[in-house]
Amino acid sequence: AAKQSGALFLDLNTLAANRYDALGQEGSRPYFNDL
């Protein structure tokens, strides 16, 4: 949608995922309330 409209796209999905990957699955548990 951003590409088609010419809007800036912030890939928050990847940026946040990189941080949680660095913490690991067990280390990320305190950072989530649910799914």
PDB file of all heavy atoms in Angstrom:
ATOM      1  N   ALA A   1       0.834  -1.207   0.000  1.00  0.00           N
ATOM      2  CA  ALA A   1       0.000   0.000   0.000  1.00  0.00           C
ATOM      3  C   ALA A   1       0.867   1.255   0.000  1.00  0.00           C
ATOM      4  O   ALA A   1       0.576   2.230  -0.698  1.00  0.00           O
ATOM      5  CB  ALA A   1      -0.928   0.003   1.210  1.00  0.00           C
ATOM      6  N   ALA A   2       1.949   1.235   0.779  1.00  0.00           N
ATOM      7  CA  ALA A   2       2.853   2.389   0.828  1.00  0.00           C
ATOM      8  C   ALA A   2       3.514   2.608  -0.525  1.00  0.00           C
ATOM      9  O   ALA A   2       3.646   3.740  -0.988  1.00  0.00           O
ATOM     10  CB  ALA A   2       3.911   2.176   1.902  1.00  0.00           C
ATOM     11  N   LYS A   3       3.918   1.531  -1.169  1.00  0.00           N
ATOM     12  CA  LYS A   3       4.569   1.637  -2.470  1.00  0.00           C
ATOM     13  C   LYS A   3       3.622   2.211  -3.516  1.00  0.00           C
ATOM     14  O   LYS A   3       3.992   3.082  -4.306  1.00  0.00           O
ATOM     15  CB  LYS A   3       5.080   0.263  -2.914  1.00  0.00           C
ATOM     16  CG  LYS A   3       5.842   0.291  -4.233  1.00  0.00           C
ATOM     17  CD  LYS A   3       6.371  -1.094  -4.578  1.00  0.00           C
ATOM     18  CE  LYS A   3       7.154  -1.066  -5.902  1.00  0.00           C
ATOM     19  NZ  LYS A   3       7.687  -2.423  -6.242  1.00  0.00           N
ATOM     20  N   GLN A   4       2.371   1.734  -3.503  1.00  0.00           N
ATOM     21  CA  GLN A   4       1.396   2.191  -4.490  1.00  0.00           C
ATOM     22  C   GLN A   4       0.999   3.645  -4.286  1.00  0.00           C
ATOM     23  O   GLN A   4       0.728   4.367  -5.242  1.00  0.00           O
ATOM     24  CB  GLN A   4       0.154   1.298  -4.442  1.00  0.00           C
ATOM     25  CG  GLN A   4       0.402  -0.124  -4.923  1.00  0.00           C
ATOM     26  CD  GLN A   4      -0.802  -1.019  -4.748  1.00  0.00           C
ATOM     27  OE1 GLN A   4      -1.922  -0.543  -4.498  1.00  0.00           O
ATOM     28  NE2 GLN A   4      -0.613  -2.323  -4.873  1.00  0.00           N
ATOM     29  N   SER A   5       0.985   4.089  -3.026  1.00  0.00           N
ATOM     30  CA  SER A   5       0.536   5.453  -2.730  1.00  0.00           C
ATOM     31  C   SER A   5       1.684   6.457  -2.670  1.00  0.00           C
ATOM     32  O   SER A   5       1.447   7.664  -2.609  1.00  0.00           O
ATOM     33  CB  SER A   5      -0.213   5.471  -1.391  1.00  0.00           C
ATOM     34  OG  SER A   5       0.663   5.128  -0.324  1.00  0.00           O
ATOM     35  N   GLY A   6       2.910   5.953  -2.643  1.00  0.00           N
ATOM     36  CA  GLY A   6       4.049   6.860  -2.537  1.00  0.00           C
ATOM     37  C   GLY A   6       4.351   7.286  -1.113  1.00  0.00           C
ATOM     38  O   GLY A   6       5.142   8.205  -0.891  1.00  0.00           O
ATOM     39  N   ALA A   7       3.738   6.613  -0.115  1.00  0.00           N
ATOM     40  CA  ALA A   7       3.975   6.950   1.287  1.00  0.00           C
ATOM     41  C   ALA A   7       5.277   6.318   1.767  1.00  0.00           C
ATOM     42  O   ALA A   7       5.735   5.308   1.223  1.00  0.00           O
ATOM     43  CB  ALA A   7       2.810   6.464   2.153  1.00  0.00           C
ATOM     44  N   LEU A   8       5.872   6.904   2.792  1.00  0.00           N
ATOM     45  CA  LEU A   8       7.052   6.311   3.404  1.00  0.00           C
ATOM     46  C   LEU A   8       6.642   5.055   4.165  1.00  0.00           C
ATOM     47  O   LEU A   8       5.589   5.022   4.794  1.00  0.00           O
ATOM     48  CB  LEU A   8       7.719   7.299   4.356  1.00  0.00           C
ATOM     49  CG  LEU A   8       8.317   8.560   3.729  1.00  0.00           C
ATOM     50  CD1 LEU A   8       8.816   9.503   4.820  1.00  0.00           C
ATOM     51  CD2 LEU A   8       9.447   8.206   2.771  1.00  0.00           C
ATOM     52  N   PHE A   9       7.472   4.023   4.109  1.00  0.00           N
ATOM     53  CA  PHE A   9       7.164   2.759   4.784  1.00  0.00           C
ATOM     54  C   PHE A   9       8.203   2.480   5.848  1.00  0.00           C
ATOM     55  O   PHE A   9       9.401   2.408   5.571  1.00  0.00           O
ATOM     56  CB  PHE A   9       7.122   1.599   3.791  1.00  0.00           C
ATOM     57  CG  PHE A   9       6.881   0.259   4.445  1.00  0.00           C
ATOM     58  CD1 PHE A   9       5.670  -0.003   5.067  1.00  0.00           C
ATOM     59  CD2 PHE A   9       7.862  -0.721   4.445  1.00  0.00           C
ATOM     60  CE1 PHE A   9       5.439  -1.231   5.680  1.00  0.00           C
ATOM     61  CE2 PHE A   9       7.641  -1.950   5.054  1.00  0.00           C
ATOM     62  CZ  PHE A   9       6.425  -2.199   5.666  1.00  0.00           C
ATOM     63  N   LEU A  10       7.748   2.319   7.074  1.00  0.00           N
ATOM     64  CA  LEU A  10       8.606   1.991   8.206  1.00  0.00           C
ATOM     65  C   LEU A  10       8.399   0.510   8.515  1.00  0.00           C
ATOM     66  O   LEU A  10       7.325   0.115   8.952  1.00  0.00           O
ATOM     67  CB  LEU A  10       8.237   2.867   9.405  1.00  0.00           C
ATOM     68  CG  LEU A  10       9.210   2.957  10.584  1.00  0.00           C
ATOM     69  CD1 LEU A  10       8.877   4.180  11.424  1.00  0.00           C
ATOM     70  CD2 LEU A  10       9.150   1.714  11.447  1.00  0.00           C
ATOM     71  N   ASP A  11       9.408  -0.302   8.254  1.00  0.00           N
ATOM     72  CA  ASP A  11       9.292  -1.754   8.423  1.00  0.00           C
ATOM     73  C   ASP A  11       9.436  -2.126   9.894  1.00  0.00           C
ATOM     74  O   ASP A  11      10.425  -2.725  10.310  1.00  0.00           O
ATOM     75  CB  ASP A  11      10.353  -2.457   7.576  1.00  0.00           C
ATOM     76  CG  ASP A  11      10.168  -3.967   7.541  1.00  0.00           C
ATOM     77  OD1 ASP A  11       9.182  -4.454   8.139  1.00  0.00           O
ATOM     78  OD2 ASP A  11      11.011  -4.649   6.935  1.00  0.00           O
ATOM     79  N   LEU A  12       8.424  -1.772  10.665  1.00  0.00           N
ATOM     80  CA  LEU A  12       8.457  -2.010  12.102  1.00  0.00           C
ATOM     81  C   LEU A  12       8.456  -3.498  12.415  1.00  0.00           C
ATOM     82  O   LEU A  12       9.035  -3.935  13.411  1.00  0.00           O
ATOM     83  CB  LEU A  12       7.267  -1.322  12.772  1.00  0.00           C
ATOM     84  CG  LEU A  12       7.164  -1.429  14.286  1.00  0.00           C
ATOM     85  CD1 LEU A  12       8.420  -0.904  14.950  1.00  0.00           C
ATOM     86  CD2 LEU A  12       5.934  -0.675  14.786  1.00  0.00           C
ATOM     87  N   ASN A  13       7.823  -4.290  11.563  1.00  0.00           N
ATOM     88  CA  ASN A  13       7.776  -5.726  11.794  1.00  0.00           C
ATOM     89  C   ASN A  13       9.182  -6.309  11.871  1.00  0.00           C
ATOM     90  O   ASN A  13       9.520  -7.051  12.797  1.00  0.00           O
ATOM     91  CB  ASN A  13       6.979  -6.389  10.664  1.00  0.00           C
ATOM     92  CG  ASN A  13       6.662  -7.840  10.958  1.00  0.00           C
ATOM     93  OD1 ASN A  13       7.491  -8.702  10.763  1.00  0.00           O
ATOM     94  ND2 ASN A  13       5.445  -8.098  11.424  1.00  0.00           N
ATOM     95  N   THR A  14      10.031  -5.946  10.911  1.00  0.00           N
ATOM     96  CA  THR A  14      11.397  -6.469  10.888  1.00  0.00           C
ATOM     97  C   THR A  14      12.250  -5.861  12.001  1.00  0.00           C
ATOM     98  O   THR A  14      13.018  -6.558  12.670  1.00  0.00           O
ATOM     99  CB  THR A  14      12.052  -6.189   9.523  1.00  0.00           C
ATOM    100  OG1 THR A  14      11.328  -6.888   8.505  1.00  0.00           O
ATOM    101  CG2 THR A  14      13.506  -6.636   9.507  1.00  0.00           C
ATOM    102  N   LEU A  15      12.135  -4.554  12.210  1.00  0.00           N
ATOM    103  CA  LEU A  15      12.954  -3.874  13.213  1.00  0.00           C
ATOM    104  C   LEU A  15      12.685  -4.420  14.618  1.00  0.00           C
ATOM    105  O   LEU A  15      13.614  -4.641  15.403  1.00  0.00           O
ATOM    106  CB  LEU A  15      12.693  -2.369  13.172  1.00  0.00           C
ATOM    107  CG  LEU A  15      13.134  -1.643  11.893  1.00  0.00           C
ATOM    108  CD1 LEU A  15      12.656  -0.191  11.913  1.00  0.00           C
ATOM    109  CD2 LEU A  15      14.650  -1.705  11.737  1.00  0.00           C
ATOM    110  N   ALA A  16      11.403  -4.632  14.938  1.00  0.00           N
ATOM    111  CA  ALA A  16      11.067  -5.177  16.254  1.00  0.00           C
ATOM    112  C   ALA A  16      11.442  -6.647  16.347  1.00  0.00           C
ATOM    113  O   ALA A  16      11.946  -7.114  17.379  1.00  0.00           O
ATOM    114  CB  ALA A  16       9.580  -4.988  16.537  1.00  0.00           C
ATOM    115  N   ALA A  17      11.227  -7.401  15.265  1.00  0.00           N
ATOM    116  CA  ALA A  17      11.558  -8.822  15.267  1.00  0.00           C
ATOM    117  C   ALA A  17      13.046  -9.045  15.504  1.00  0.00           C
ATOM    118  O   ALA A  17      13.439  -9.990  16.202  1.00  0.00           O
ATOM    119  CB  ALA A  17      11.127  -9.464  13.950  1.00  0.00           C
ATOM    120  N   ASN A  18      13.881  -8.195  14.943  1.00  0.00           N
ATOM    121  CA  ASN A  18      15.323  -8.311  15.166  1.00  0.00           C
ATOM    122  C   ASN A  18      15.660  -8.205  16.650  1.00  0.00           C
ATOM    123  O   ASN A  18      16.531  -8.904  17.165  1.00  0.00           O
ATOM    124  CB  ASN A  18      16.069  -7.223  14.391  1.00  0.00           C
ATOM    125  CG  ASN A  18      16.046  -7.451  12.893  1.00  0.00           C
ATOM    126  OD1 ASN A  18      15.781  -8.563  12.417  1.00  0.00           O
ATOM    127  ND2 ASN A  18      16.317  -6.411  12.127  1.00  0.00           N
ATOM    128  N   ARG A  19      14.964  -7.301  17.335  1.00  0.00           N
ATOM    129  CA  ARG A  19      15.209  -7.116  18.765  1.00  0.00           C
ATOM    130  C   ARG A  19      14.784  -8.343  19.570  1.00  0.00           C
ATOM    131  O   ARG A  19      15.480  -8.780  20.488  1.00  0.00           O
ATOM    132  CB  ARG A  19      14.473  -5.872  19.265  1.00  0.00           C
ATOM    133  CG  ARG A  19      15.165  -4.569  18.877  1.00  0.00           C
ATOM    134  CD  ARG A  19      14.262  -3.363  19.149  1.00  0.00           C
ATOM    135  NE  ARG A  19      15.021  -2.129  19.253  1.00  0.00           N
ATOM    136  CZ  ARG A  19      15.555  -1.487  18.237  1.00  0.00           C
ATOM    137  NH1 ARG A  19      15.413  -1.978  17.011  1.00  0.00           N
ATOM    138  NH2 ARG A  19      16.247  -0.364  18.416  1.00  0.00           N
ATOM    139  N   TYR A  20      13.618  -8.905  19.236  1.00  0.00           N
ATOM    140  CA  TYR A  20      13.151 -10.076  19.981  1.00  0.00           C
ATOM    141  C   TYR A  20      13.980 -11.312  19.662  1.00  0.00           C
ATOM    142  O   TYR A  20      14.217 -12.158  20.536  1.00  0.00           O
ATOM    143  CB  TYR A  20      11.666 -10.310  19.713  1.00  0.00           C
ATOM    144  CG  TYR A  20      10.802  -9.221  20.283  1.00  0.00           C
ATOM    145  CD1 TYR A  20      10.023  -8.407  19.472  1.00  0.00           C
ATOM    146  CD2 TYR A  20      10.793  -8.978  21.658  1.00  0.00           C
ATOM    147  CE1 TYR A  20       9.254  -7.380  20.003  1.00  0.00           C
ATOM    148  CE2 TYR A  20      10.023  -7.962  22.201  1.00  0.00           C
ATOM    149  CZ  TYR A  20       9.261  -7.168  21.366  1.00  0.00           C
ATOM    150  OH  TYR A  20       8.494  -6.148  21.896  1.00  0.00           O
ATOM    151  N   ASP A  21      14.435 -11.429  18.412  1.00  0.00           N
ATOM    152  CA  ASP A  21      15.332 -12.536  18.075  1.00  0.00           C
ATOM    153  C   ASP A  21      16.603 -12.479  18.914  1.00  0.00           C
ATOM    154  O   ASP A  21      17.133 -13.506  19.348  1.00  0.00           O
ATOM    155  CB  ASP A  21      15.691 -12.497  16.585  1.00  0.00           C
ATOM    156  CG  ASP A  21      14.698 -13.275  15.728  1.00  0.00           C
ATOM    157  OD1 ASP A  21      13.828 -13.959  16.299  1.00  0.00           O
ATOM    158  OD2 ASP A  21      14.792 -13.197  14.492  1.00  0.00           O
ATOM    159  N   ALA A  22      17.115 -11.266  19.121  1.00  0.00           N
ATOM    160  CA  ALA A  22      18.333 -11.106  19.921  1.00  0.00           C
ATOM    161  C   ALA A  22      18.098 -11.522  21.372  1.00  0.00           C
ATOM    162  O   ALA A  22      18.999 -12.056  22.033  1.00  0.00           O
ATOM    163  CB  ALA A  22      18.812  -9.655  19.861  1.00  0.00           C
ATOM    164  N   LEU A  23      16.882 -11.299  21.877  1.00  0.00           N
ATOM    165  CA  LEU A  23      16.550 -11.700  23.242  1.00  0.00           C
ATOM    166  C   LEU A  23      16.319 -13.205  23.347  1.00  0.00           C
ATOM    167  O   LEU A  23      16.554 -13.805  24.393  1.00  0.00           O
ATOM    168  CB  LEU A  23      15.287 -10.969  23.710  1.00  0.00           C
ATOM    169  CG  LEU A  23      15.407  -9.465  23.959  1.00  0.00           C
ATOM    170  CD1 LEU A  23      14.017  -8.844  24.090  1.00  0.00           C
ATOM    171  CD2 LEU A  23      16.232  -9.200  25.210  1.00  0.00           C
ATOM    172  N   GLY A  24      15.849 -13.807  22.254  1.00  0.00           N
ATOM    173  CA  GLY A  24      15.520 -15.223  22.266  1.00  0.00           C
ATOM    174  C   GLY A  24      14.103 -15.460  22.758  1.00  0.00           C
ATOM    175  O   GLY A  24      13.493 -14.586  23.390  1.00  0.00           O
ATOM    176  N   GLN A  25      13.567 -16.642  22.484  1.00  0.00           N
ATOM    177  CA  GLN A  25      12.182 -16.931  22.851  1.00  0.00           C
ATOM    178  C   GLN A  25      11.961 -16.859  24.351  1.00  0.00           C
ATOM    179  O   GLN A  25      11.007 -16.234  24.825  1.00  0.00           O
ATOM    180  CB  GLN A  25      11.767 -18.308  22.331  1.00  0.00           C
ATOM    181  CG  GLN A  25      10.301 -18.651  22.603  1.00  0.00           C
ATOM    182  CD  GLN A  25       9.865 -19.927  21.913  1.00  0.00           C
ATOM    183  OE1 GLN A  25      10.662 -20.585  21.224  1.00  0.00           O
ATOM    184  NE2 GLN A  25       8.612 -20.304  22.077  1.00  0.00           N
ATOM    185  N   GLU A  26      12.838 -17.486  25.125  1.00  0.00           N
ATOM    186  CA  GLU A  26      12.679 -17.477  26.578  1.00  0.00           C
ATOM    187  C   GLU A  26      12.894 -16.075  27.139  1.00  0.00           C
ATOM    188  O   GLU A  26      12.163 -15.613  28.011  1.00  0.00           O
ATOM    189  CB  GLU A  26      13.660 -18.458  27.220  1.00  0.00           C
ATOM    190  CG  GLU A  26      13.450 -18.649  28.715  1.00  0.00           C
ATOM    191  CD  GLU A  26      12.085 -19.249  29.029  1.00  0.00           C
ATOM    192  OE1 GLU A  26      11.560 -20.021  28.213  1.00  0.00           O
ATOM    193  OE2 GLU A  26      11.554 -18.939  30.121  1.00  0.00           O
ATOM    194  N   GLY A  27      13.906 -15.373  26.613  1.00  0.00           N
ATOM    195  CA  GLY A  27      14.196 -14.029  27.088  1.00  0.00           C
ATOM    196  C   GLY A  27      13.123 -13.025  26.747  1.00  0.00           C
ATOM    197  O   GLY A  27      13.009 -11.971  27.388  1.00  0.00           O
ATOM    198  N   SER A  28      12.311 -13.322  25.720  1.00  0.00           N
ATOM    199  CA  SER A  28      11.257 -12.396  25.295  1.00  0.00           C
ATOM    200  C   SER A  28       9.964 -12.553  26.076  1.00  0.00           C
ATOM    201  O   SER A  28       9.065 -11.713  25.951  1.00  0.00           O
ATOM    202  CB  SER A  28      10.956 -12.591  23.796  1.00  0.00           C
ATOM    203  OG  SER A  28      12.069 -12.240  23.004  1.00  0.00           O
ATOM    204  N   ARG A  29       9.843 -13.603  26.883  1.00  0.00           N
ATOM    205  CA  ARG A  29       8.587 -13.857  27.597  1.00  0.00           C
ATOM    206  C   ARG A  29       8.117 -12.666  28.437  1.00  0.00           C
ATOM    207  O   ARG A  29       6.929 -12.345  28.443  1.00  0.00           O
ATOM    208  CB  ARG A  29       8.714 -15.108  28.471  1.00  0.00           C
ATOM    209  CG  ARG A  29       8.832 -16.395  27.692  1.00  0.00           C
ATOM    210  CD  ARG A  29       8.797 -17.617  28.605  1.00  0.00           C
ATOM    211  NE  ARG A  29       9.087 -18.835  27.870  1.00  0.00           N
ATOM    212  CZ  ARG A  29       8.182 -19.505  27.150  1.00  0.00           C
ATOM    213  NH1 ARG A  29       6.942 -19.054  27.085  1.00  0.00           N
ATOM    214  NH2 ARG A  29       8.521 -20.607  26.520  1.00  0.00           N
ATOM    215  N   PRO A  30       9.002 -11.975  29.182  1.00  0.00           N
ATOM    216  CA  PRO A  30       8.526 -10.848  29.995  1.00  0.00           C
ATOM    217  C   PRO A  30       8.047  -9.653  29.173  1.00  0.00           C
ATOM    218  O   PRO A  30       7.476  -8.720  29.730  1.00  0.00           O
ATOM    219  CB  PRO A  30       9.769 -10.461  30.821  1.00  0.00           C
ATOM    220  CG  PRO A  30      10.682 -11.639  30.757  1.00  0.00           C
ATOM    221  CD  PRO A  30      10.441 -12.245  29.421  1.00  0.00           C
ATOM    222  N   TYR A  31       8.270  -9.681  27.867  1.00  0.00           N
ATOM    223  CA  TYR A  31       7.937  -8.538  27.034  1.00  0.00           C
ATOM    224  C   TYR A  31       6.556  -8.663  26.382  1.00  0.00           C
ATOM    225  O   TYR A  31       6.104  -7.723  25.733  1.00  0.00           O
ATOM    226  CB  TYR A  31       8.999  -8.374  25.941  1.00  0.00           C
ATOM    227  CG  TYR A  31      10.365  -8.016  26.486  1.00  0.00           C
ATOM    228  CD1 TYR A  31      11.223  -8.993  26.963  1.00  0.00           C
ATOM    229  CD2 TYR A  31      10.791  -6.695  26.542  1.00  0.00           C
ATOM    230  CE1 TYR A  31      12.468  -8.673  27.478  1.00  0.00           C
ATOM    231  CE2 TYR A  31      12.034  -6.365  27.047  1.00  0.00           C
ATOM    232  CZ  TYR A  31      12.864  -7.361  27.522  1.00  0.00           C
ATOM    233  OH  TYR A  31      14.097  -7.034  28.030  1.00  0.00           O
ATOM    234  N   PHE A  32       5.896  -9.816  26.537  1.00  0.00           N
ATOM    235  CA  PHE A  32       4.582 -10.021  25.924  1.00  0.00           C
ATOM    236  C   PHE A  32       3.544 -10.376  26.984  1.00  0.00           C
ATOM    237  O   PHE A  32       3.817 -11.149  27.902  1.00  0.00           O
ATOM    238  CB  PHE A  32       4.641 -11.151  24.889  1.00  0.00           C
ATOM    239  CG  PHE A  32       5.320 -10.775  23.602  1.00  0.00           C
ATOM    240  CD1 PHE A  32       6.674 -11.010  23.427  1.00  0.00           C
ATOM    241  CD2 PHE A  32       4.604 -10.185  22.571  1.00  0.00           C
ATOM    242  CE1 PHE A  32       7.309 -10.663  22.243  1.00  0.00           C
ATOM    243  CE2 PHE A  32       5.223  -9.823  21.384  1.00  0.00           C
ATOM    244  CZ  PHE A  32       6.587 -10.069  21.217  1.00  0.00           C
ATOM    245  N   ASN A  33       2.332  -9.830  26.799  1.00  0.00           N
ATOM    246  CA  ASN A  33       1.199 -10.193  27.644  1.00  0.00           C
ATOM    247  C   ASN A  33       0.447 -11.380  27.071  1.00  0.00           C
ATOM    248  O   ASN A  33      -0.152 -12.174  27.792  1.00  0.00           O
ATOM    249  CB  ASN A  33       0.226  -9.014  27.778  1.00  0.00           C
ATOM    250  CG  ASN A  33       0.537  -8.144  28.974  1.00  0.00           C
ATOM    251  OD1 ASN A  33       0.976  -8.641  30.005  1.00  0.00           O
ATOM    252  ND2 ASN A  33       0.321  -6.847  28.841  1.00  0.00           N
ATOM    253  N   ASP A  34       0.421 -11.460  25.733  1.00  0.00           N
ATOM    254  CA  ASP A  34      -0.307 -12.515  25.047  1.00  0.00           C
ATOM    255  C   ASP A  34       0.305 -12.686  23.661  1.00  0.00           C
ATOM    256  O   ASP A  34       1.448 -12.294  23.436  1.00  0.00           O
ATOM    257  CB  ASP A  34      -1.810 -12.186  24.963  1.00  0.00           C
ATOM    258  CG  ASP A  34      -2.076 -10.786  24.399  1.00  0.00           C
ATOM    259  OD1 ASP A  34      -1.339 -10.353  23.488  1.00  0.00           O
ATOM    260  OD2 ASP A  34      -3.020 -10.120  24.853  1.00  0.00           O
ATOM    261  N   LEU A  35      -0.465 -13.234  22.747  1.00  0.00           N
ATOM    262  CA  LEU A  35       0.053 -13.472  21.399  1.00  0.00           C
ATOM    263  C   LEU A  35       0.433 -12.193  20.687  1.00  0.00           C
ATOM    264  O   LEU A  35       1.386 -12.164  19.895  1.00  0.00           O
ATOM    265  CB  LEU A  35      -1.001 -14.234  20.577  1.00  0.00           C
ATOM    266  CG  LEU A  35      -0.623 -14.566  19.127  1.00  0.00           C
ATOM    267  CD1 LEU A  35       0.540 -15.547  19.092  1.00  0.00           C
ATOM    268  CD2 LEU A  35      -1.824 -15.135  18.376  1.00  0.00           C
TER     269      LEU A  35
END
